[in-house]
Amino acid sequence: MRDSSEGRLFKSEDFSKKSLESQDFSDCVFEKCNFTESLLRRSKFSSCTFKNCNFSLVKLDGCRMQSIQFIDCKIVGAEFFKCDRTFFSVSFLSCLLHYCIFSDLNMKNSSFSKSKIKEGHFTDTNLSGADFEEVDLSGTIFHNCDLSKSDFSKAFNYTIDPATNNIKKAKFSLPEAVGLLCGFDIILL
């Protein structure tokens, strides 16, 4: 039988290295909680908010994340591509996202606003209409992604190859847009 929690506030709880496998959370708020190396396999999170949480090295196999907000969270090594893709819907505000993998996901209209994505991996990801406002994308890879209508106008430290990604009607600003030329083996003076 699945355990379920609805409308609860979890504050300063330590879930590190614990199993929350096959549990359901709906309309819950997690504040200053530690999920480091937690096992979230086949858990369901619906309309939940994570604030100031450490979400590093979590195991997300089959985890459902639907209408989830991460605010001021530290997320390291999360393999989001292992989540249940049926209802996958997440947004990030002022988060540290280091070494996270978002491949093969539908993240249309997702927001990463004011976050730092270091060496993130987006392959075959639908990011059309995504918001990268004031996002540091150092070392992040975009390959075969739909970035159409995405907003990179205030993003920085990115390199995006227009030959391997759809950037139709995406917004960029100078001087950062020079990162679109890196794949062309040219010399800029």
C-alpha atoms as a PDB file:
ATOM      1  CA  MET A   1       0.000   0.000   0.000  1.00  0.00           C
ATOM      2  CA  ARG A   2       1.278   3.468  -0.884  1.00  0.00           C
ATOM      3  CA  ASP A   3       1.765   6.102   1.808  1.00  0.00           C
ATOM      4  CA  SER A   4       0.352   9.497   0.922  1.00  0.00           C
ATOM      5  CA  SER A   5       0.631  13.060   2.212  1.00  0.00           C
ATOM      6  CA  GLU A   6      -1.554  15.940   1.097  1.00  0.00           C
ATOM      7  CA  GLY A   7      -1.211  19.638   1.870  1.00  0.00           C
ATOM      8  CA  ARG A   8       1.574  19.106   4.413  1.00  0.00           C
ATOM      9  CA  LEU A   9       4.506  21.331   5.283  1.00  0.00           C
ATOM     10  CA  PHE A  10       7.799  19.489   5.783  1.00  0.00           C
ATOM     11  CA  LYS A  11      10.340  21.818   7.386  1.00  0.00           C
ATOM     12  CA  SER A  12      14.042  21.103   8.046  1.00  0.00           C
ATOM     13  CA  GLU A  13      13.529  17.352   7.700  1.00  0.00           C
ATOM     14  CA  ASP A  14      16.427  15.077   6.862  1.00  0.00           C
ATOM     15  CA  PHE A  15      15.439  12.539   4.211  1.00  0.00           C
ATOM     16  CA  SER A  16      19.070  11.929   3.199  1.00  0.00           C
ATOM     17  CA  LYS A  17      19.837   8.325   2.251  1.00  0.00           C
ATOM     18  CA  LYS A  18      16.244   7.361   3.122  1.00  0.00           C
ATOM     19  CA  SER A  19      13.716   5.584   0.977  1.00  0.00           C
ATOM     20  CA  LEU A  20      10.572   7.457   0.026  1.00  0.00           C
ATOM     21  CA  GLU A  21       9.873   4.797  -2.565  1.00  0.00           C
ATOM     22  CA  SER A  22       6.294   4.521  -3.848  1.00  0.00           C
ATOM     23  CA  GLN A  23       4.973   7.380  -1.706  1.00  0.00           C
ATOM     24  CA  ASP A  24       2.527  10.056  -2.864  1.00  0.00           C
ATOM     25  CA  PHE A  25       2.855  13.774  -2.065  1.00  0.00           C
ATOM     26  CA  SER A  26       0.225  16.239  -3.245  1.00  0.00           C
ATOM     27  CA  ASP A  27       0.170  20.018  -2.624  1.00  0.00           C
ATOM     28  CA  CYS A  28       3.035  19.694  -0.134  1.00  0.00           C
ATOM     29  CA  VAL A  29       5.756  22.229   0.666  1.00  0.00           C
ATOM     30  CA  PHE A  30       9.269  21.122   1.576  1.00  0.00           C
ATOM     31  CA  GLU A  31      11.404  23.843   3.233  1.00  0.00           C
ATOM     32  CA  LYS A  32      15.083  23.431   4.081  1.00  0.00           C
ATOM     33  CA  CYS A  33      14.841  19.654   3.709  1.00  0.00           C
ATOM     34  CA  ASN A  34      17.792  17.435   2.847  1.00  0.00           C
ATOM     35  CA  PHE A  35      17.111  14.794   0.181  1.00  0.00           C
ATOM     36  CA  THR A  36      20.774  13.935  -0.505  1.00  0.00           C
ATOM     37  CA  GLU A  37      20.968  10.392  -1.921  1.00  0.00           C
ATOM     38  CA  SER A  38      17.279   9.772  -1.177  1.00  0.00           C
ATOM     39  CA  LEU A  39      15.519   6.970  -3.015  1.00  0.00           C
ATOM     40  CA  LEU A  40      12.434   8.440  -4.706  1.00  0.00           C
ATOM     41  CA  ARG A  41      11.792   5.491  -7.018  1.00  0.00           C
ATOM     42  CA  ARG A  42       8.154   5.372  -8.200  1.00  0.00           C
ATOM     43  CA  SER A  43       7.145   8.180  -5.807  1.00  0.00           C
ATOM     44  CA  LYS A  44       4.596  10.748  -6.994  1.00  0.00           C
ATOM     45  CA  PHE A  45       4.934  14.474  -6.365  1.00  0.00           C
ATOM     46  CA  SER A  46       2.047  16.601  -7.587  1.00  0.00           C
ATOM     47  CA  SER A  47       1.784  20.394  -7.195  1.00  0.00           C
ATOM     48  CA  CYS A  48       4.609  20.442  -4.636  1.00  0.00           C
ATOM     49  CA  THR A  49       7.138  23.179  -3.857  1.00  0.00           C
ATOM     50  CA  PHE A  50      10.716  22.645  -2.701  1.00  0.00           C
ATOM     51  CA  LYS A  51      12.331  25.704  -1.049  1.00  0.00           C
ATOM     52  CA  ASN A  52      15.971  25.850   0.035  1.00  0.00           C
ATOM     53  CA  CYS A  53      16.275  22.069  -0.221  1.00  0.00           C
ATOM     54  CA  ASN A  54      19.313  19.945  -1.000  1.00  0.00           C
ATOM     55  CA  PHE A  55      18.190  17.610  -3.758  1.00  0.00           C
ATOM     56  CA  SER A  56      21.599  16.144  -4.615  1.00  0.00           C
ATOM     57  CA  LEU A  57      22.244  12.650  -5.955  1.00  0.00           C
ATOM     58  CA  VAL A  58      18.606  11.607  -5.566  1.00  0.00           C
ATOM     59  CA  LYS A  59      17.466   8.396  -7.255  1.00  0.00           C
ATOM     60  CA  LEU A  60      14.536   9.335  -9.505  1.00  0.00           C
ATOM     61  CA  ASP A  61      13.736   6.074 -11.351  1.00  0.00           C
ATOM     62  CA  GLY A  62      10.056   6.217 -12.287  1.00  0.00           C
ATOM     63  CA  CYS A  63       9.398   9.210 -10.005  1.00  0.00           C
ATOM     64  CA  ARG A  64       6.447  11.335 -11.116  1.00  0.00           C
ATOM     65  CA  MET A  65       7.007  15.090 -10.914  1.00  0.00           C
ATOM     66  CA  GLN A  66       3.941  17.018 -11.961  1.00  0.00           C
ATOM     67  CA  SER A  67       3.658  20.818 -11.493  1.00  0.00           C
ATOM     68  CA  ILE A  68       6.748  21.002  -9.273  1.00  0.00           C
ATOM     69  CA  GLN A  69       8.552  24.206  -8.245  1.00  0.00           C
ATOM     70  CA  PHE A  70      12.142  24.252  -7.032  1.00  0.00           C
ATOM     71  CA  ILE A  71      13.104  27.566  -5.384  1.00  0.00           C
ATOM     72  CA  ASP A  72      16.638  28.317  -4.109  1.00  0.00           C
ATOM     73  CA  CYS A  73      17.494  24.604  -4.151  1.00  0.00           C
ATOM     74  CA  LYS A  74      20.815  22.839  -4.605  1.00  0.00           C
ATOM     75  CA  ILE A  75      20.425  20.014  -7.105  1.00  0.00           C
ATOM     76  CA  VAL A  76      23.543  18.034  -8.023  1.00  0.00           C
ATOM     77  CA  GLY A  77      23.735  14.979 -10.264  1.00  0.00           C
ATOM     78  CA  ALA A  78      19.974  14.539 -10.637  1.00  0.00           C
ATOM     79  CA  GLU A  79      19.056  12.276 -13.541  1.00  0.00           C
ATOM     80  CA  PHE A  80      15.687  13.823 -14.353  1.00  0.00           C
ATOM     81  CA  PHE A  81      15.513  11.743 -17.542  1.00  0.00           C
ATOM     82  CA  LYS A  82      14.740   8.726 -15.336  1.00  0.00           C
ATOM     83  CA  CYS A  83      11.511  10.322 -14.091  1.00  0.00           C
ATOM     84  CA  ASP A  84       8.103   9.232 -15.325  1.00  0.00           C
ATOM     85  CA  ARG A  85       7.760  11.297 -18.510  1.00  0.00           C
ATOM     86  CA  THR A  86       3.978  11.138 -18.746  1.00  0.00           C
ATOM     87  CA  PHE A  87       3.233  14.180 -16.585  1.00  0.00           C
ATOM     88  CA  PHE A  88       6.744  15.640 -16.147  1.00  0.00           C
ATOM     89  CA  SER A  89       6.450  19.349 -15.349  1.00  0.00           C
ATOM     90  CA  VAL A  90       9.038  21.262 -13.295  1.00  0.00           C
ATOM     91  CA  SER A  91      10.262  24.838 -12.891  1.00  0.00           C
ATOM     92  CA  PHE A  92      13.347  26.257 -11.220  1.00  0.00           C
ATOM     93  CA  LEU A  93      13.933  29.675  -9.640  1.00  0.00           C
ATOM     94  CA  SER A  94      17.366  30.702  -8.344  1.00  0.00           C
ATOM     95  CA  CYS A  95      18.583  27.095  -8.118  1.00  0.00           C
ATOM     96  CA  LEU A  96      22.038  25.558  -8.421  1.00  0.00           C
ATOM     97  CA  LEU A  97      21.702  22.761 -10.979  1.00  0.00           C
ATOM     98  CA  HIS A  98      25.059  21.056 -11.346  1.00  0.00           C
ATOM     99  CA  TYR A  99      25.669  17.983 -13.526  1.00  0.00           C
ATOM    100  CA  CYS A 100      21.939  17.306 -14.046  1.00  0.00           C
ATOM    101  CA  ILE A 101      20.604  15.352 -17.033  1.00  0.00           C
ATOM    102  CA  PHE A 102      17.371  16.435 -18.728  1.00  0.00           C
ATOM    103  CA  SER A 103      17.597  14.299 -21.865  1.00  0.00           C
ATOM    104  CA  ASP A 104      14.537  13.027 -23.776  1.00  0.00           C
ATOM    105  CA  LEU A 105      12.092  15.123 -21.722  1.00  0.00           C
ATOM    106  CA  ASN A 106       9.231  17.383 -22.741  1.00  0.00           C
ATOM    107  CA  MET A 107      10.019  20.609 -20.894  1.00  0.00           C
ATOM    108  CA  LYS A 108       7.993  22.937 -23.073  1.00  0.00           C
ATOM    109  CA  ASN A 109       7.531  26.365 -21.405  1.00  0.00           C
ATOM    110  CA  SER A 110       9.664  25.369 -18.399  1.00  0.00           C
ATOM    111  CA  SER A 111      11.410  28.095 -16.427  1.00  0.00           C
ATOM    112  CA  PHE A 112      14.983  28.040 -15.137  1.00  0.00           C
ATOM    113  CA  SER A 113      14.944  31.720 -14.167  1.00  0.00           C
ATOM    114  CA  LYS A 114      17.981  33.098 -12.297  1.00  0.00           C
ATOM    115  CA  SER A 115      19.474  29.618 -11.869  1.00  0.00           C
ATOM    116  CA  LYS A 116      23.001  28.368 -12.422  1.00  0.00           C
ATOM    117  CA  ILE A 117      23.112  25.288 -14.627  1.00  0.00           C
ATOM    118  CA  LYS A 118      26.673  23.974 -14.596  1.00  0.00           C
ATOM    119  CA  GLU A 119      27.495  21.203 -17.060  1.00  0.00           C
ATOM    120  CA  GLY A 120      23.852  20.297 -17.527  1.00  0.00           C
ATOM    121  CA  HIS A 121      22.897  17.915 -20.285  1.00  0.00           C
ATOM    122  CA  PHE A 122      19.958  18.483 -22.622  1.00  0.00           C
ATOM    123  CA  THR A 123      19.757  15.969 -25.486  1.00  0.00           C
ATOM    124  CA  ASP A 124      16.571  15.439 -27.507  1.00  0.00           C
ATOM    125  CA  THR A 125      14.788  17.731 -25.045  1.00  0.00           C
ATOM    126  CA  ASN A 126      11.754  19.828 -25.965  1.00  0.00           C
ATOM    127  CA  LEU A 127      12.508  23.239 -24.464  1.00  0.00           C
ATOM    128  CA  SER A 128      10.307  25.280 -26.777  1.00  0.00           C
ATOM    129  CA  GLY A 129       9.160  28.434 -25.030  1.00  0.00           C
ATOM    130  CA  ALA A 130      11.490  27.795 -22.071  1.00  0.00           C
ATOM    131  CA  ASP A 131      12.663  30.732 -19.943  1.00  0.00           C
ATOM    132  CA  PHE A 132      16.400  31.005 -19.283  1.00  0.00           C
ATOM    133  CA  GLU A 133      16.248  34.545 -17.840  1.00  0.00           C
ATOM    134  CA  GLU A 134      19.528  35.412 -16.098  1.00  0.00           C
ATOM    135  CA  VAL A 135      20.700  31.783 -16.226  1.00  0.00           C
ATOM    136  CA  ASP A 136      24.397  30.897 -16.130  1.00  0.00           C
ATOM    137  CA  LEU A 137      24.806  27.925 -18.505  1.00  0.00           C
ATOM    138  CA  SER A 138      28.528  27.201 -18.015  1.00  0.00           C
ATOM    139  CA  GLY A 139      29.508  23.955 -19.729  1.00  0.00           C
ATOM    140  CA  THR A 140      25.905  23.006 -20.470  1.00  0.00           C
ATOM    141  CA  ILE A 141      25.271  20.883 -23.559  1.00  0.00           C
ATOM    142  CA  PHE A 142      22.280  21.326 -25.848  1.00  0.00           C
ATOM    143  CA  HIS A 143      22.074  18.661 -28.565  1.00  0.00           C
ATOM    144  CA  ASN A 144      19.159  17.984 -30.889  1.00  0.00           C
ATOM    145  CA  CYS A 145      16.881  20.142 -28.728  1.00  0.00           C
ATOM    146  CA  ASP A 146      13.831  22.163 -29.653  1.00  0.00           C
ATOM    147  CA  LEU A 147      14.725  25.622 -28.356  1.00  0.00           C
ATOM    148  CA  SER A 148      12.226  27.452 -30.544  1.00  0.00           C
ATOM    149  CA  LYS A 149      10.702  30.525 -28.915  1.00  0.00           C
ATOM    150  CA  SER A 150      12.920  30.043 -25.838  1.00  0.00           C
ATOM    151  CA  ASP A 151      14.215  33.156 -24.109  1.00  0.00           C
ATOM    152  CA  PHE A 152      18.003  33.323 -23.725  1.00  0.00           C
ATOM    153  CA  SER A 153      18.040  37.128 -23.895  1.00  0.00           C
ATOM    154  CA  LYS A 154      19.610  37.548 -20.455  1.00  0.00           C
ATOM    155  CA  ALA A 155      21.327  34.144 -20.231  1.00  0.00           C
ATOM    156  CA  PHE A 156      25.113  33.897 -20.305  1.00  0.00           C
ATOM    157  CA  ASN A 157      28.035  31.453 -20.641  1.00  0.00           C
ATOM    158  CA  TYR A 158      26.199  29.305 -23.180  1.00  0.00           C
ATOM    159  CA  THR A 159      27.311  27.608 -26.373  1.00  0.00           C
ATOM    160  CA  ILE A 160      24.495  26.389 -28.603  1.00  0.00           C
ATOM    161  CA  ASP A 161      25.067  24.912 -32.033  1.00  0.00           C
ATOM    162  CA  PRO A 162      22.293  26.122 -34.369  1.00  0.00           C
ATOM    163  CA  ALA A 163      23.122  23.238 -36.732  1.00  0.00           C
ATOM    164  CA  THR A 164      22.088  20.609 -34.164  1.00  0.00           C
ATOM    165  CA  ASN A 165      19.310  22.477 -32.341  1.00  0.00           C
ATOM    166  CA  ASN A 166      16.098  24.194 -33.441  1.00  0.00           C
ATOM    167  CA  ILE A 167      16.480  27.855 -32.399  1.00  0.00           C
ATOM    168  CA  LYS A 168      13.711  29.296 -34.570  1.00  0.00           C
ATOM    169  CA  LYS A 169      12.339  32.512 -33.011  1.00  0.00           C
ATOM    170  CA  ALA A 170      14.410  32.008 -29.841  1.00  0.00           C
ATOM    171  CA  LYS A 171      15.560  35.263 -28.198  1.00  0.00           C
ATOM    172  CA  PHE A 172      19.249  36.026 -27.702  1.00  0.00           C
ATOM    173  CA  SER A 173      21.178  39.204 -26.882  1.00  0.00           C
ATOM    174  CA  LEU A 174      24.679  40.471 -27.591  1.00  0.00           C
ATOM    175  CA  PRO A 175      27.441  39.936 -26.655  1.00  0.00           C
ATOM    176  CA  GLU A 176      26.369  36.523 -25.283  1.00  0.00           C
ATOM    177  CA  ALA A 177      24.884  35.461 -28.650  1.00  0.00           C
ATOM    178  CA  VAL A 178      28.454  34.906 -29.835  1.00  0.00           C
ATOM    179  CA  GLY A 179      28.028  31.513 -28.140  1.00  0.00           C
ATOM    180  CA  LEU A 180      25.917  30.528 -31.158  1.00  0.00           C
ATOM    181  CA  LEU A 181      28.996  30.657 -33.389  1.00  0.00           C
ATOM    182  CA  CYS A 182      31.234  28.258 -31.453  1.00  0.00           C
ATOM    183  CA  GLY A 183      30.308  25.235 -33.572  1.00  0.00           C
ATOM    184  CA  PHE A 184      31.335  26.868 -36.854  1.00  0.00           C
ATOM    185  CA  ASP A 185      35.141  26.764 -36.467  1.00  0.00           C
ATOM    186  CA  ILE A 186      35.527  30.453 -37.240  1.00  0.00           C
ATOM    187  CA  ILE A 187      37.785  33.163 -35.852  1.00  0.00           C
ATOM    188  CA  LEU A 188      36.129  36.231 -34.353  1.00  0.00           C
ATOM    189  CA  LEU A 189      38.110  39.460 -34.103  1.00  0.00           C
END
